Amino acid sequence: MKKRILIAPLNWGLGHATRCIPIIHALINHDFVPIIASDGTALSLLKKEFPDLDCVELPSYKITYPKKGKHFKLKMLQSSPKLAKAIKAEKKAIAQIITAYNIDGIISDNRLGVHNKNLPCVFITHQLQVLSGNTTWLSTKLHQNIIKQFNECWVPDNLGQTNLSGKLGHTMLYDIPIKYIGPLSRFSKKELTVKYDVMVLLSGPEPQRSLFEKKLLIEFKNYNGKVIFIKGVIEDEQQVCEENNMLIYNFMTSSQLENAINASKIIVSRSGYTTLMDLTKLSKDAFFVPTPGQFEQEYLAERLTTLGIAASCKQDEFTIDKIEDTSKYKGLSAMDYEVNYKKLFNLF
């Protein structure tokens, strides 16, 4: 019988779910049976991508952002009792799922309670160091204590000097078996004719996603070029409309998005790590606007700007003229890295 592997991404934006897509395909190609577990929009997206696979709903962490970025850390602290309760419920749910679906192994993408001492368990993260300002030492220690409960930690990045995560994914750790598996992306580069001058690619938790959407819709009204605008809202039906120079979608499937990004000259998006991996794979010019108050995204955007790779600015500083800044940067370029999934899946 084929071994059954539970794969469970965190529902925080869409990045954790989308970077699990190539792993799910690899599991299928290597004769495993993936069982998907998540909640909210992450689960909805994976159900659309894999309609034939079993999908299970997990308790929600109910993570939301404050309207003002400066309150981000306080909001996270206030949410910690609720988060601890959700993790406890998650552990209980996992025990039931293991029995009900005869699970042989677990892959958790940043879901803290998805592990079991009787099974081989993997934790996927690009944050071996969790930035939180003057409490970075504490948030990092707490995160590393979680990782230690797993058999292996897979970091979706390169180990060498040419890497995407910088100090987030490259810090000295002991007692934690770490494997660098290279950047993950569900996309492939295609040589397509450029149809759009700019693609706006939104994602992330509310209310910041909606606030950014509102700002960009106003800004791009006066833009002369052709714009494709993806809101990143997963709904039952795909909706498309045209406003002036903009073609607006609520969401796209992976294949649609792959083609649209390949056919776009410049991408305006958050500097979430999965977005970075996708745009690197497709060698795109990008303008990054980190989610206000999210230290990780602010660091990644600033790092790429300092390295002369991609332009960026704060959300409240963004104006349409800044798009021109992308011409001063060399753009993201693909890292040739083939994941040895056969070797990686030996754990199971």
C-alpha atoms as a PDB file:
ATOM      1  CA  MET A   1       0.000   0.000   0.000  1.00  0.00           C
ATOM      2  CA  LYS A   2       1.109   3.546  -0.728  1.00  0.00           C
ATOM      3  CA  LYS A   3       2.186   5.565   2.300  1.00  0.00           C
ATOM      4  CA  ARG A   4      -0.126   8.392   3.278  1.00  0.00           C
ATOM      5  CA  ILE A   5       1.472  11.737   4.126  1.00  0.00           C
ATOM      6  CA  LEU A   6      -0.409  14.531   5.873  1.00  0.00           C
ATOM      7  CA  ILE A   7       0.644  17.951   4.510  1.00  0.00           C
ATOM      8  CA  ALA A   8      -0.591  20.947   6.497  1.00  0.00           C
ATOM      9  CA  PRO A   9       0.198  24.570   5.578  1.00  0.00           C
ATOM     10  CA  LEU A  10      -0.540  27.559   7.802  1.00  0.00           C
ATOM     11  CA  ASN A  11      -3.451  29.740   6.699  1.00  0.00           C
ATOM     12  CA  TRP A  12      -1.692  33.132   6.823  1.00  0.00           C
ATOM     13  CA  GLY A  13      -2.058  34.707   3.411  1.00  0.00           C
ATOM     14  CA  LEU A  14      -1.696  32.199   0.574  1.00  0.00           C
ATOM     15  CA  GLY A  15       2.078  31.718   0.554  1.00  0.00           C
ATOM     16  CA  HIS A  16       2.316  28.688   2.843  1.00  0.00           C
ATOM     17  CA  ALA A  17      -0.349  26.869   0.813  1.00  0.00           C
ATOM     18  CA  THR A  18       1.076  27.738  -2.614  1.00  0.00           C
ATOM     19  CA  ARG A  19       4.633  26.703  -1.757  1.00  0.00           C
ATOM     20  CA  CYS A  20       3.270  23.298  -0.673  1.00  0.00           C
ATOM     21  CA  ILE A  21       1.865  22.728  -4.187  1.00  0.00           C
ATOM     22  CA  PRO A  22       5.181  21.504  -5.709  1.00  0.00           C
ATOM     23  CA  ILE A  23       5.712  19.244  -2.668  1.00  0.00           C
ATOM     24  CA  ILE A  24       2.216  17.742  -3.062  1.00  0.00           C
ATOM     25  CA  HIS A  25       2.912  17.074  -6.767  1.00  0.00           C
ATOM     26  CA  ALA A  26       6.274  15.501  -5.824  1.00  0.00           C
ATOM     27  CA  LEU A  27       4.621  13.244  -3.223  1.00  0.00           C
ATOM     28  CA  ILE A  28       2.149  12.008  -5.860  1.00  0.00           C
ATOM     29  CA  ASN A  29       4.982  11.471  -8.393  1.00  0.00           C
ATOM     30  CA  HIS A  30       6.904   9.406  -5.826  1.00  0.00           C
ATOM     31  CA  ASP A  31       3.944   7.121  -5.066  1.00  0.00           C
ATOM     32  CA  PHE A  32       2.774   8.694  -1.823  1.00  0.00           C
ATOM     33  CA  VAL A  33      -0.826   9.665  -1.105  1.00  0.00           C
ATOM     34  CA  PRO A  34      -0.993  13.253   0.191  1.00  0.00           C
ATOM     35  CA  ILE A  35      -3.784  14.184   2.613  1.00  0.00           C
ATOM     36  CA  ILE A  36      -4.230  17.966   2.833  1.00  0.00           C
ATOM     37  CA  ALA A  37      -5.079  19.684   6.128  1.00  0.00           C
ATOM     38  CA  SER A  38      -5.539  23.423   6.701  1.00  0.00           C
ATOM     39  CA  ASP A  39      -8.298  25.993   7.124  1.00  0.00           C
ATOM     40  CA  GLY A  40      -9.759  29.124   5.522  1.00  0.00           C
ATOM     41  CA  THR A  41      -8.461  30.446   2.200  1.00  0.00           C
ATOM     42  CA  ALA A  42      -5.376  28.185   2.274  1.00  0.00           C
ATOM     43  CA  LEU A  43      -7.619  25.103   2.348  1.00  0.00           C
ATOM     44  CA  SER A  44      -9.960  26.572  -0.300  1.00  0.00           C
ATOM     45  CA  LEU A  45      -7.030  27.181  -2.649  1.00  0.00           C
ATOM     46  CA  LEU A  46      -5.613  23.673  -2.252  1.00  0.00           C
ATOM     47  CA  LYS A  47      -9.056  22.118  -2.764  1.00  0.00           C
ATOM     48  CA  LYS A  48      -9.238  23.924  -6.125  1.00  0.00           C
ATOM     49  CA  GLU A  49      -5.714  22.796  -7.042  1.00  0.00           C
ATOM     50  CA  PHE A  50      -6.213  19.162  -5.957  1.00  0.00           C
ATOM     51  CA  PRO A  51      -9.926  18.315  -6.259  1.00  0.00           C
ATOM     52  CA  ASP A  52      -9.224  14.547  -6.153  1.00  0.00           C
ATOM     53  CA  LEU A  53      -7.299  14.549  -2.861  1.00  0.00           C
ATOM     54  CA  ASP A  54      -8.765  14.184   0.624  1.00  0.00           C
ATOM     55  CA  CYS A  55      -8.843  17.533   2.434  1.00  0.00           C
ATOM     56  CA  VAL A  56      -9.412  17.986   6.162  1.00  0.00           C
ATOM     57  CA  GLU A  57     -10.229  21.197   8.011  1.00  0.00           C
ATOM     58  CA  LEU A  58      -8.061  22.091  11.009  1.00  0.00           C
ATOM     59  CA  PRO A  59      -8.885  24.548  13.821  1.00  0.00           C
ATOM     60  CA  SER A  60      -8.171  28.128  12.733  1.00  0.00           C
ATOM     61  CA  TYR A  61      -5.443  30.235  14.356  1.00  0.00           C
ATOM     62  CA  LYS A  62      -7.655  33.253  13.556  1.00  0.00           C
ATOM     63  CA  ILE A  63      -4.622  35.460  12.885  1.00  0.00           C
ATOM     64  CA  THR A  64      -5.488  39.022  11.903  1.00  0.00           C
ATOM     65  CA  TYR A  65      -3.394  42.149  11.424  1.00  0.00           C
ATOM     66  CA  PRO A  66      -3.947  45.494  13.106  1.00  0.00           C
ATOM     67  CA  LYS A  67      -4.911  48.388  10.836  1.00  0.00           C
ATOM     68  CA  LYS A  68      -1.696  50.167  11.841  1.00  0.00           C
ATOM     69  CA  GLY A  69       1.603  48.349  11.387  1.00  0.00           C
ATOM     70  CA  LYS A  70       3.138  49.796  14.540  1.00  0.00           C
ATOM     71  CA  HIS A  71       0.592  47.791  16.594  1.00  0.00           C
ATOM     72  CA  PHE A  72       1.603  44.477  14.964  1.00  0.00           C
ATOM     73  CA  LYS A  73       3.730  43.126  17.831  1.00  0.00           C
ATOM     74  CA  LEU A  74       1.149  44.122  20.457  1.00  0.00           C
ATOM     75  CA  LYS A  75      -1.595  42.413  18.442  1.00  0.00           C
ATOM     76  CA  MET A  76       0.496  39.217  18.235  1.00  0.00           C
ATOM     77  CA  LEU A  77       1.063  39.269  22.017  1.00  0.00           C
ATOM     78  CA  GLN A  78      -2.644  39.816  22.671  1.00  0.00           C
ATOM     79  CA  SER A  79      -3.435  36.890  20.336  1.00  0.00           C
ATOM     80  CA  SER A  80      -1.050  34.442  22.044  1.00  0.00           C
ATOM     81  CA  PRO A  81      -3.628  32.888  24.465  1.00  0.00           C
ATOM     82  CA  LYS A  82      -6.004  32.366  21.524  1.00  0.00           C
ATOM     83  CA  LEU A  83      -3.128  30.885  19.496  1.00  0.00           C
ATOM     84  CA  ALA A  84      -2.140  28.511  22.327  1.00  0.00           C
ATOM     85  CA  LYS A  85      -5.772  27.316  22.515  1.00  0.00           C
ATOM     86  CA  ALA A  86      -5.863  26.751  18.736  1.00  0.00           C
ATOM     87  CA  ILE A  87      -2.593  24.749  18.831  1.00  0.00           C
ATOM     88  CA  LYS A  88      -4.000  22.537  21.586  1.00  0.00           C
ATOM     89  CA  ALA A  89      -7.147  21.919  19.493  1.00  0.00           C
ATOM     90  CA  GLU A  90      -4.925  21.284  16.462  1.00  0.00           C
ATOM     91  CA  LYS A  91      -2.929  18.575  18.279  1.00  0.00           C
ATOM     92  CA  LYS A  92      -6.172  16.856  19.254  1.00  0.00           C
ATOM     93  CA  ALA A  93      -7.449  17.037  15.663  1.00  0.00           C
ATOM     94  CA  ILE A  94      -4.154  15.631  14.320  1.00  0.00           C
ATOM     95  CA  ALA A  95      -4.369  12.588  16.617  1.00  0.00           C
ATOM     96  CA  GLN A  96      -7.859  11.858  15.217  1.00  0.00           C
ATOM     97  CA  ILE A  97      -6.779  12.435  11.588  1.00  0.00           C
ATOM     98  CA  ILE A  98      -3.788  10.067  11.974  1.00  0.00           C
ATOM     99  CA  THR A  99      -6.161   7.274  13.023  1.00  0.00           C
ATOM    100  CA  ALA A 100      -8.949   8.083  10.550  1.00  0.00           C
ATOM    101  CA  TYR A 101      -6.662   8.353   7.491  1.00  0.00           C
ATOM    102  CA  ASN A 102      -3.901   5.865   8.488  1.00  0.00           C
ATOM    103  CA  ILE A 103      -1.233   8.574   8.237  1.00  0.00           C
ATOM    104  CA  ASP A 104       2.401   7.402   7.844  1.00  0.00           C
ATOM    105  CA  GLY A 105       4.183  10.777   8.000  1.00  0.00           C
ATOM    106  CA  ILE A 106       3.595  14.506   8.477  1.00  0.00           C
ATOM    107  CA  ILE A 107       4.771  17.672   6.712  1.00  0.00           C
ATOM    108  CA  SER A 108       3.822  20.889   8.513  1.00  0.00           C
ATOM    109  CA  ASP A 109       4.420  24.271   6.905  1.00  0.00           C
ATOM    110  CA  ASN A 110       4.515  26.517   9.966  1.00  0.00           C
ATOM    111  CA  ARG A 111       1.558  24.845  11.708  1.00  0.00           C
ATOM    112  CA  LEU A 112       2.885  24.567  15.229  1.00  0.00           C
ATOM    113  CA  GLY A 113       0.721  21.722  16.554  1.00  0.00           C
ATOM    114  CA  VAL A 114       0.886  19.416  13.519  1.00  0.00           C
ATOM    115  CA  HIS A 115       3.243  16.686  14.721  1.00  0.00           C
ATOM    116  CA  ASN A 116       3.147  13.319  16.459  1.00  0.00           C
ATOM    117  CA  LYS A 117       5.939  11.544  18.355  1.00  0.00           C
ATOM    118  CA  ASN A 118       5.093   8.186  16.762  1.00  0.00           C
ATOM    119  CA  LEU A 119       5.506   9.373  13.156  1.00  0.00           C
ATOM    120  CA  PRO A 120       8.294  10.979  11.081  1.00  0.00           C
ATOM    121  CA  CYS A 121       7.466  14.700  11.083  1.00  0.00           C
ATOM    122  CA  VAL A 122       8.855  17.600   9.027  1.00  0.00           C
ATOM    123  CA  PHE A 123       8.586  21.319   9.704  1.00  0.00           C
ATOM    124  CA  ILE A 124       8.943  23.689   6.725  1.00  0.00           C
ATOM    125  CA  THR A 125      10.108  27.234   7.444  1.00  0.00           C
ATOM    126  CA  HIS A 126      12.398  29.892   5.997  1.00  0.00           C
ATOM    127  CA  GLN A 127      12.589  31.562   9.424  1.00  0.00           C
ATOM    128  CA  LEU A 128      15.195  29.926  11.629  1.00  0.00           C
ATOM    129  CA  GLN A 129      15.466  33.431  13.036  1.00  0.00           C
ATOM    130  CA  VAL A 130      12.137  35.225  13.661  1.00  0.00           C
ATOM    131  CA  LEU A 131      12.523  38.991  13.505  1.00  0.00           C
ATOM    132  CA  SER A 132      10.434  40.988  15.991  1.00  0.00           C
ATOM    133  CA  GLY A 133      12.508  44.085  16.718  1.00  0.00           C
ATOM    134  CA  ASN A 134      14.001  44.156  20.213  1.00  0.00           C
ATOM    135  CA  THR A 135      12.360  40.806  21.066  1.00  0.00           C
ATOM    136  CA  THR A 136      13.954  38.886  18.144  1.00  0.00           C
ATOM    137  CA  TRP A 137      15.955  36.732  20.592  1.00  0.00           C
ATOM    138  CA  LEU A 138      12.721  35.639  22.311  1.00  0.00           C
ATOM    139  CA  SER A 139      10.604  35.017  19.194  1.00  0.00           C
ATOM    140  CA  THR A 140      13.520  33.068  17.672  1.00  0.00           C
ATOM    141  CA  LYS A 141      13.998  30.919  20.798  1.00  0.00           C
ATOM    142  CA  LEU A 142      10.266  30.128  20.982  1.00  0.00           C
ATOM    143  CA  HIS A 143      10.205  29.183  17.297  1.00  0.00           C
ATOM    144  CA  GLN A 144      13.294  26.979  17.603  1.00  0.00           C
ATOM    145  CA  ASN A 145      11.694  25.170  20.559  1.00  0.00           C
ATOM    146  CA  ILE A 146       8.754  24.337  18.275  1.00  0.00           C
ATOM    147  CA  ILE A 147      11.077  23.113  15.478  1.00  0.00           C
ATOM    148  CA  LYS A 148      12.859  20.764  17.924  1.00  0.00           C
ATOM    149  CA  GLN A 149       9.648  18.758  18.248  1.00  0.00           C
ATOM    150  CA  PHE A 150      10.024  17.625  14.596  1.00  0.00           C
ATOM    151  CA  ASN A 151      12.406  15.065  13.089  1.00  0.00           C
ATOM    152  CA  GLU A 152      13.630  17.426  10.363  1.00  0.00           C
ATOM    153  CA  CYS A 153      13.374  21.079   9.358  1.00  0.00           C
ATOM    154  CA  TRP A 154      13.240  21.839   5.612  1.00  0.00           C
ATOM    155  CA  VAL A 155      14.339  25.347   4.630  1.00  0.00           C
ATOM    156  CA  PRO A 156      13.154  26.361   1.127  1.00  0.00           C
ATOM    157  CA  ASP A 157      16.341  28.204   0.183  1.00  0.00           C
ATOM    158  CA  ASN A 158      19.945  27.672  -0.934  1.00  0.00           C
ATOM    159  CA  LEU A 159      22.624  27.076   1.670  1.00  0.00           C
ATOM    160  CA  GLY A 160      25.324  29.112  -0.105  1.00  0.00           C
ATOM    161  CA  GLN A 161      25.974  32.851  -0.511  1.00  0.00           C
ATOM    162  CA  THR A 162      23.388  33.218  -3.283  1.00  0.00           C
ATOM    163  CA  ASN A 163      20.186  32.886  -1.302  1.00  0.00           C
ATOM    164  CA  LEU A 164      16.804  34.546  -0.780  1.00  0.00           C
ATOM    165  CA  SER A 165      16.185  34.522   2.965  1.00  0.00           C
ATOM    166  CA  GLY A 166      19.423  36.130   4.222  1.00  0.00           C
ATOM    167  CA  LYS A 167      19.783  36.012   8.007  1.00  0.00           C
ATOM    168  CA  LEU A 168      16.226  34.637   8.405  1.00  0.00           C
ATOM    169  CA  GLY A 169      17.146  31.199   7.075  1.00  0.00           C
ATOM    170  CA  HIS A 170      20.899  31.178   7.675  1.00  0.00           C
ATOM    171  CA  THR A 171      21.687  31.209  11.355  1.00  0.00           C
ATOM    172  CA  MET A 172      23.684  28.737  13.458  1.00  0.00           C
ATOM    173  CA  LEU A 173      21.429  26.135  15.037  1.00  0.00           C
ATOM    174  CA  TYR A 174      22.212  23.094  17.134  1.00  0.00           C
ATOM    175  CA  ASP A 175      20.147  19.970  17.927  1.00  0.00           C
ATOM    176  CA  ILE A 176      17.877  20.602  14.917  1.00  0.00           C
ATOM    177  CA  PRO A 177      18.438  18.553  11.717  1.00  0.00           C
ATOM    178  CA  ILE A 178      18.149  21.117   8.895  1.00  0.00           C
ATOM    179  CA  LYS A 179      17.934  20.434   5.162  1.00  0.00           C
ATOM    180  CA  TYR A 180      18.152  23.259   2.614  1.00  0.00           C
ATOM    181  CA  ILE A 181      15.887  22.155  -0.222  1.00  0.00           C
ATOM    182  CA  GLY A 182      16.223  25.172  -2.555  1.00  0.00           C
ATOM    183  CA  PRO A 183      13.536  27.775  -3.354  1.00  0.00           C
ATOM    184  CA  LEU A 184      10.088  26.238  -3.937  1.00  0.00           C
ATOM    185  CA  SER A 185       7.722  27.439  -6.642  1.00  0.00           C
ATOM    186  CA  ARG A 186       4.676  26.004  -8.366  1.00  0.00           C
ATOM    187  CA  PHE A 187       5.593  27.977 -11.538  1.00  0.00           C
ATOM    188  CA  SER A 188       7.806  27.486 -14.606  1.00  0.00           C
ATOM    189  CA  LYS A 189       9.411  30.201 -16.697  1.00  0.00           C
ATOM    190  CA  LYS A 190       7.859  30.675 -20.156  1.00  0.00           C
ATOM    191  CA  GLU A 191       8.972  32.935 -22.966  1.00  0.00           C
ATOM    192  CA  LEU A 192       5.671  34.751 -23.554  1.00  0.00           C
ATOM    193  CA  THR A 193       4.941  38.069 -25.287  1.00  0.00           C
ATOM    194  CA  VAL A 194       4.550  40.850 -22.712  1.00  0.00           C
ATOM    195  CA  LYS A 195       0.819  41.733 -22.505  1.00  0.00           C
ATOM    196  CA  TYR A 196       0.798  43.778 -19.288  1.00  0.00           C
ATOM    197  CA  ASP A 197       3.041  46.662 -18.235  1.00  0.00           C
ATOM    198  CA  VAL A 198       2.285  45.975 -14.578  1.00  0.00           C
ATOM    199  CA  MET A 199       0.799  43.111 -12.617  1.00  0.00           C
ATOM    200  CA  VAL A 200      -0.527  43.847  -9.118  1.00  0.00           C
ATOM    201  CA  LEU A 201      -0.355  40.639  -7.096  1.00  0.00           C
ATOM    202  CA  LEU A 202      -2.032  40.844  -3.684  1.00  0.00           C
ATOM    203  CA  SER A 203      -2.125  38.387  -0.792  1.00  0.00           C
ATOM    204  CA  GLY A 204      -1.843  38.282   2.985  1.00  0.00           C
ATOM    205  CA  PRO A 205      -4.138  38.465   5.993  1.00  0.00           C
ATOM    206  CA  GLU A 206      -6.835  41.072   6.534  1.00  0.00           C
ATOM    207  CA  PRO A 207      -7.314  43.947   7.030  1.00  0.00           C
ATOM    208  CA  GLN A 208      -3.954  44.852   5.437  1.00  0.00           C
ATOM    209  CA  ARG A 209      -4.714  43.064   2.146  1.00  0.00           C
ATOM    210  CA  SER A 210      -7.913  45.130   1.684  1.00  0.00           C
ATOM    211  CA  LEU A 211      -6.234  48.392   2.727  1.00  0.00           C
ATOM    212  CA  PHE A 212      -3.454  47.835   0.192  1.00  0.00           C
ATOM    213  CA  GLU A 213      -5.953  46.863  -2.517  1.00  0.00           C
ATOM    214  CA  LYS A 214      -7.934  50.067  -1.969  1.00  0.00           C
ATOM    215  CA  LYS A 215      -4.788  52.210  -2.164  1.00  0.00           C
ATOM    216  CA  LEU A 216      -3.500  50.539  -5.345  1.00  0.00           C
ATOM    217  CA  LEU A 217      -6.862  50.705  -7.164  1.00  0.00           C
ATOM    218  CA  ILE A 218      -6.819  54.490  -6.615  1.00  0.00           C
ATOM    219  CA  GLU A 219      -3.150  54.848  -7.642  1.00  0.00           C
ATOM    220  CA  PHE A 220      -3.449  52.796 -10.835  1.00  0.00           C
ATOM    221  CA  LYS A 221      -6.517  54.684 -12.090  1.00  0.00           C
ATOM    222  CA  ASN A 222      -4.167  57.294 -13.541  1.00  0.00           C
ATOM    223  CA  TYR A 223      -1.589  54.882 -14.922  1.00  0.00           C
ATOM    224  CA  ASN A 224      -1.151  54.926 -18.701  1.00  0.00           C
ATOM    225  CA  GLY A 225       0.061  51.353 -19.152  1.00  0.00           C
ATOM    226  CA  LYS A 226      -1.928  48.116 -19.195  1.00  0.00           C
ATOM    227  CA  VAL A 227      -2.480  46.594 -15.738  1.00  0.00           C
ATOM    228  CA  ILE A 228      -3.627  43.161 -14.587  1.00  0.00           C
ATOM    229  CA  PHE A 229      -4.780  43.273 -10.972  1.00  0.00           C
ATOM    230  CA  ILE A 230      -5.090  40.076  -8.901  1.00  0.00           C
ATOM    231  CA  LYS A 231      -6.817  40.710  -5.563  1.00  0.00           C
ATOM    232  CA  GLY A 232      -5.875  37.374  -3.981  1.00  0.00           C
ATOM    233  CA  VAL A 233      -9.385  36.709  -2.657  1.00  0.00           C
ATOM    234  CA  ILE A 234     -10.303  33.017  -2.978  1.00  0.00           C
ATOM    235  CA  GLU A 235     -14.032  32.669  -3.672  1.00  0.00           C
ATOM    236  CA  ASP A 236     -16.283  29.952  -5.122  1.00  0.00           C
ATOM    237  CA  GLU A 237     -16.412  31.595  -8.534  1.00  0.00           C
ATOM    238  CA  GLN A 238     -13.744  33.479 -10.442  1.00  0.00           C
ATOM    239  CA  GLN A 239     -14.781  37.064 -11.177  1.00  0.00           C
ATOM    240  CA  VAL A 240     -13.238  39.282 -13.850  1.00  0.00           C
ATOM    241  CA  CYS A 241     -13.988  42.915 -14.635  1.00  0.00           C
ATOM    242  CA  GLU A 242     -12.395  45.805 -16.535  1.00  0.00           C
ATOM    243  CA  GLU A 243     -11.904  49.302 -15.175  1.00  0.00           C
ATOM    244  CA  ASN A 244     -10.210  51.819 -17.475  1.00  0.00           C
ATOM    245  CA  ASN A 245      -6.752  50.316 -18.140  1.00  0.00           C
ATOM    246  CA  MET A 246      -7.127  47.519 -15.550  1.00  0.00           C
ATOM    247  CA  LEU A 247      -8.174  43.899 -15.908  1.00  0.00           C
ATOM    248  CA  ILE A 248      -9.210  42.842 -12.382  1.00  0.00           C
ATOM    249  CA  TYR A 249      -9.498  39.269 -11.046  1.00  0.00           C
ATOM    250  CA  ASN A 250     -10.556  38.151  -7.570  1.00  0.00           C
ATOM    251  CA  PHE A 251      -8.176  35.156  -7.908  1.00  0.00           C
ATOM    252  CA  MET A 252      -6.465  32.982 -10.512  1.00  0.00           C
ATOM    253  CA  THR A 253      -5.649  29.279 -10.668  1.00  0.00           C
ATOM    254  CA  SER A 254      -1.953  28.327 -10.687  1.00  0.00           C
ATOM    255  CA  SER A 255      -1.810  27.845 -14.475  1.00  0.00           C
ATOM    256  CA  GLN A 256      -3.545  31.184 -15.151  1.00  0.00           C
ATOM    257  CA  LEU A 257      -1.277  32.986 -12.700  1.00  0.00           C
ATOM    258  CA  GLU A 258       1.841  31.368 -14.168  1.00  0.00           C
ATOM    259  CA  ASN A 259       0.939  32.655 -17.637  1.00  0.00           C
ATOM    260  CA  ALA A 260      -0.074  36.116 -16.394  1.00  0.00           C
ATOM    261  CA  ILE A 261       3.170  36.654 -14.424  1.00  0.00           C
ATOM    262  CA  ASN A 262       5.260  35.421 -17.364  1.00  0.00           C
ATOM    263  CA  ALA A 263       3.392  37.889 -19.620  1.00  0.00           C
ATOM    264  CA  SER A 264       3.871  40.877 -17.262  1.00  0.00           C
ATOM    265  CA  LYS A 265       6.796  43.312 -17.346  1.00  0.00           C
ATOM    266  CA  ILE A 266       6.774  44.485 -13.699  1.00  0.00           C
ATOM    267  CA  ILE A 267       5.187  42.870 -10.632  1.00  0.00           C
ATOM    268  CA  VAL A 268       3.959  45.009  -7.713  1.00  0.00           C
ATOM    269  CA  SER A 269       3.428  42.859  -4.629  1.00  0.00           C
ATOM    270  CA  ARG A 270       4.116  42.210  -0.967  1.00  0.00           C
ATOM    271  CA  SER A 271       7.595  40.947  -0.124  1.00  0.00           C
ATOM    272  CA  GLY A 272       6.315  37.687   1.323  1.00  0.00           C
ATOM    273  CA  TYR A 273       8.848  34.892   1.017  1.00  0.00           C
ATOM    274  CA  THR A 274       6.747  32.676  -1.269  1.00  0.00           C
ATOM    275  CA  THR A 275       6.201  35.588  -3.661  1.00  0.00           C
ATOM    276  CA  LEU A 276       9.982  36.129  -3.704  1.00  0.00           C
ATOM    277  CA  MET A 277      10.541  32.459  -4.577  1.00  0.00           C
ATOM    278  CA  ASP A 278       7.930  32.574  -7.371  1.00  0.00           C
ATOM    279  CA  LEU A 279       9.258  35.784  -8.940  1.00  0.00           C
ATOM    280  CA  THR A 280      12.851  34.513  -8.674  1.00  0.00           C
ATOM    281  CA  LYS A 281      11.901  31.316 -10.524  1.00  0.00           C
ATOM    282  CA  LEU A 282      10.354  33.455 -13.290  1.00  0.00           C
ATOM    283  CA  SER A 283      13.221  36.027 -13.308  1.00  0.00           C
ATOM    284  CA  LYS A 284      10.924  39.055 -12.951  1.00  0.00           C
ATOM    285  CA  ASP A 285      11.400  42.759 -12.278  1.00  0.00           C
ATOM    286  CA  ALA A 286       9.515  43.594  -9.093  1.00  0.00           C
ATOM    287  CA  PHE A 287       8.481  46.447  -6.828  1.00  0.00           C
ATOM    288  CA  PHE A 288       7.932  45.296  -3.250  1.00  0.00           C
ATOM    289  CA  VAL A 289       5.707  46.924  -0.625  1.00  0.00           C
ATOM    290  CA  PRO A 290       6.063  45.014   2.676  1.00  0.00           C
ATOM    291  CA  THR A 291       3.066  44.517   4.953  1.00  0.00           C
ATOM    292  CA  PRO A 292       3.250  47.321   7.557  1.00  0.00           C
ATOM    293  CA  GLY A 293       4.713  46.125  10.842  1.00  0.00           C
ATOM    294  CA  GLN A 294       5.760  42.702   9.560  1.00  0.00           C
ATOM    295  CA  PHE A 295       9.485  42.657  10.352  1.00  0.00           C
ATOM    296  CA  GLU A 296      10.213  39.681   8.071  1.00  0.00           C
ATOM    297  CA  GLN A 297       8.759  41.306   4.933  1.00  0.00           C
ATOM    298  CA  GLU A 298      10.388  44.645   5.751  1.00  0.00           C
ATOM    299  CA  TYR A 299      13.764  42.919   6.082  1.00  0.00           C
ATOM    300  CA  LEU A 300      13.389  40.940   2.830  1.00  0.00           C
ATOM    301  CA  ALA A 301      12.342  44.026   0.821  1.00  0.00           C
ATOM    302  CA  GLU A 302      15.124  46.175   2.284  1.00  0.00           C
ATOM    303  CA  ARG A 303      17.703  43.437   1.651  1.00  0.00           C
ATOM    304  CA  LEU A 304      16.772  43.110  -2.044  1.00  0.00           C
ATOM    305  CA  THR A 305      16.851  46.899  -2.473  1.00  0.00           C
ATOM    306  CA  THR A 306      20.264  47.143  -0.773  1.00  0.00           C
ATOM    307  CA  LEU A 307      21.594  44.344  -3.025  1.00  0.00           C
ATOM    308  CA  GLY A 308      20.387  46.298  -6.091  1.00  0.00           C
ATOM    309  CA  ILE A 309      17.918  43.564  -7.068  1.00  0.00           C
ATOM    310  CA  ALA A 310      14.440  45.094  -6.575  1.00  0.00           C
ATOM    311  CA  ALA A 311      12.878  48.448  -5.696  1.00  0.00           C
ATOM    312  CA  SER A 312      10.737  48.793  -2.576  1.00  0.00           C
ATOM    313  CA  CYS A 313       9.064  51.322  -0.297  1.00  0.00           C
ATOM    314  CA  LYS A 314       6.708  51.536   2.685  1.00  0.00           C
ATOM    315  CA  GLN A 315       2.967  51.218   2.000  1.00  0.00           C
ATOM    316  CA  ASP A 316       2.114  54.808   2.953  1.00  0.00           C
ATOM    317  CA  GLU A 317       4.927  56.093   0.693  1.00  0.00           C
ATOM    318  CA  PHE A 318       3.823  54.241  -2.443  1.00  0.00           C
ATOM    319  CA  THR A 319       2.810  56.362  -5.437  1.00  0.00           C
ATOM    320  CA  ILE A 320       2.451  55.431  -9.090  1.00  0.00           C
ATOM    321  CA  ASP A 321       5.643  57.338 -10.053  1.00  0.00           C
ATOM    322  CA  LYS A 322       7.743  54.920  -7.989  1.00  0.00           C
ATOM    323  CA  ILE A 323       7.114  52.169 -10.561  1.00  0.00           C
ATOM    324  CA  GLU A 324       9.811  53.843 -12.688  1.00  0.00           C
ATOM    325  CA  ASP A 325      12.382  52.988  -9.979  1.00  0.00           C
ATOM    326  CA  THR A 326      12.385  49.340 -11.110  1.00  0.00           C
ATOM    327  CA  SER A 327      14.559  50.282 -14.107  1.00  0.00           C
ATOM    328  CA  LYS A 328      17.417  51.118 -11.690  1.00  0.00           C
ATOM    329  CA  TYR A 329      17.549  47.535 -10.367  1.00  0.00           C
ATOM    330  CA  LYS A 330      18.810  44.330 -11.984  1.00  0.00           C
ATOM    331  CA  GLY A 331      15.701  42.261 -11.163  1.00  0.00           C
ATOM    332  CA  LEU A 332      15.330  38.774  -9.697  1.00  0.00           C
ATOM    333  CA  SER A 333      17.072  35.907 -11.455  1.00  0.00           C
ATOM    334  CA  ALA A 334      16.411  32.183 -11.265  1.00  0.00           C
ATOM    335  CA  MET A 335      18.533  29.963  -9.025  1.00  0.00           C
ATOM    336  CA  ASP A 336      19.200  26.655 -10.730  1.00  0.00           C
ATOM    337  CA  TYR A 337      18.345  24.145  -8.039  1.00  0.00           C
ATOM    338  CA  GLU A 338      16.735  20.747  -8.511  1.00  0.00           C
ATOM    339  CA  VAL A 339      15.220  19.237  -5.379  1.00  0.00           C
ATOM    340  CA  ASN A 340      16.145  15.570  -4.884  1.00  0.00           C
ATOM    341  CA  TYR A 341      12.695  14.555  -3.679  1.00  0.00           C
ATOM    342  CA  LYS A 342      13.532  10.844  -3.649  1.00  0.00           C
ATOM    343  CA  LYS A 343      16.295  11.491  -1.111  1.00  0.00           C
ATOM    344  CA  LEU A 344      14.154  14.015   0.792  1.00  0.00           C
ATOM    345  CA  PHE A 345      11.225  11.596   1.141  1.00  0.00           C
ATOM    346  CA  ASN A 346      13.488   8.811   2.501  1.00  0.00           C
ATOM    347  CA  LEU A 347      12.425  10.024   5.948  1.00  0.00           C
ATOM    348  CA  PHE A 348       9.017   8.430   5.355  1.00  0.00           C
END
